[in-house]
Amino acid sequence: MTRLTLTRPDDFHLHLRDGAMLAGIAPETARDFARAIIMPNLVPPVVTGAQAAAYRERIAAALPGSDFTPLMTLYLTETTDPADVVAAHKAGIIAAVKLYPAGATTNSASGVRDFDKVRPVFDAMAEAGVPLCLHGEVTDAEIDIFDREAVFIDRVLDPIRRANPGLRVIMEHVTTKDAVEYVRANPKGLGATITTHHLIINRNNLLVGGMRPHYFCLPVAKRELHRQALVEAAISGDARFFLGTDSAPHSDDRKECECCAAGCFTATNTMPLLAQVFEREGALDKLEGFTAHHGADFYGLPRNATTITLEKQAEPVRFPAKIQTGAGPVTVFEPGFDVHWKVVG
């Protein structure tokens, strides 16, 4: 197969930032994707429906003439008003609420520390059908960073779901075999996004031969057996697994420094990279479901009516090494292997 036409994909986990960075990198997603779930961890975070509506307007202003649709989220805090969440969802302002454990990742200081304080929000969300997206890691200093996802499932996620069985939950950017197995064991109301980069790199790519800051993300890449579990889930056709790139731009000065920011920027080349990965696994026929059908179905959205076409090139495709923005250059994710697929329409 050398030509592939798919339903236009959606990205169910995306960072667009704000200001000059937003203006510089938003077109990289809008070129290929119809919609994206937009993360609310700005500074200050997007915590009310009014703030989400204003942020949506800023995204639209950065993409004049584009048919891209941002799907907004609210940042859950211990003072979130359940009524505001429900009203914003009913008005079509937000598609979901995002839970960050405090201190888990970039701009998560305002996240949740005491989960009992947000249970009224969960109750209201379950009743109103508002999905919960969550960053699934504990932040206890004594828990090894490579174990934090597995511990979160046992200590936080499972109790939340038992207390609120009607709550629809998306485990975002899963990175472990443990998470894949948990999703498969709990078929009702639970989905999971998988990133482009976690299908490609393991912790050796990050650490062997020197620290590679542009492969540093949170949750951090894990052992090869976990990467293999993610690939198997992505190509399985299981509708509970779908694409959320977690494409997270940082200017090079924030990545190439003593204490670098977490995030891989994959918006520019995600679809060619995924085509290469799925072809390598003999599963190109499953790419459309993973990128365009499963996520829309889980969120109760109509599947996109438009399409995207990729062609396989005889020579390796060259992607830009960096995207220049008013906030500084952003390095594009380098997979470490030749990519022969290119989006042509």
Foldseek 3Di string as FASTA:
>chain_A
DFKDKFFQFEAAAEEQEADFSNLQCLVLQLVGHQEYEYAQLYVVGAAFLVSLQVVQVRNCVSPDPGNHHYAYEHEDALPRDLVRVLVSVVVRSHLAYEAEAAPQAPNRPRGYDDVVSCLVNQQSCLVSVHAYEYAQFDDDPVDPLQCGNVVSVVPPVVVSCVVRVSHQYEDEQDAFLSVVVVCVVDVPRYAYEHALLSLFDAVCVQCPPHGDQLQFAPSHHHDPVRSVSLLCVLLVLPLRYAHHHQQDWDAVVQRPDDDHHHHHHASNPRVLSVCVSCVVVVRNVSNNSRGFNSVCVSSVHDTHPDMWMKGFAPFFDDDDQWGQTPNHITGHDDRPDGGGIDTDD
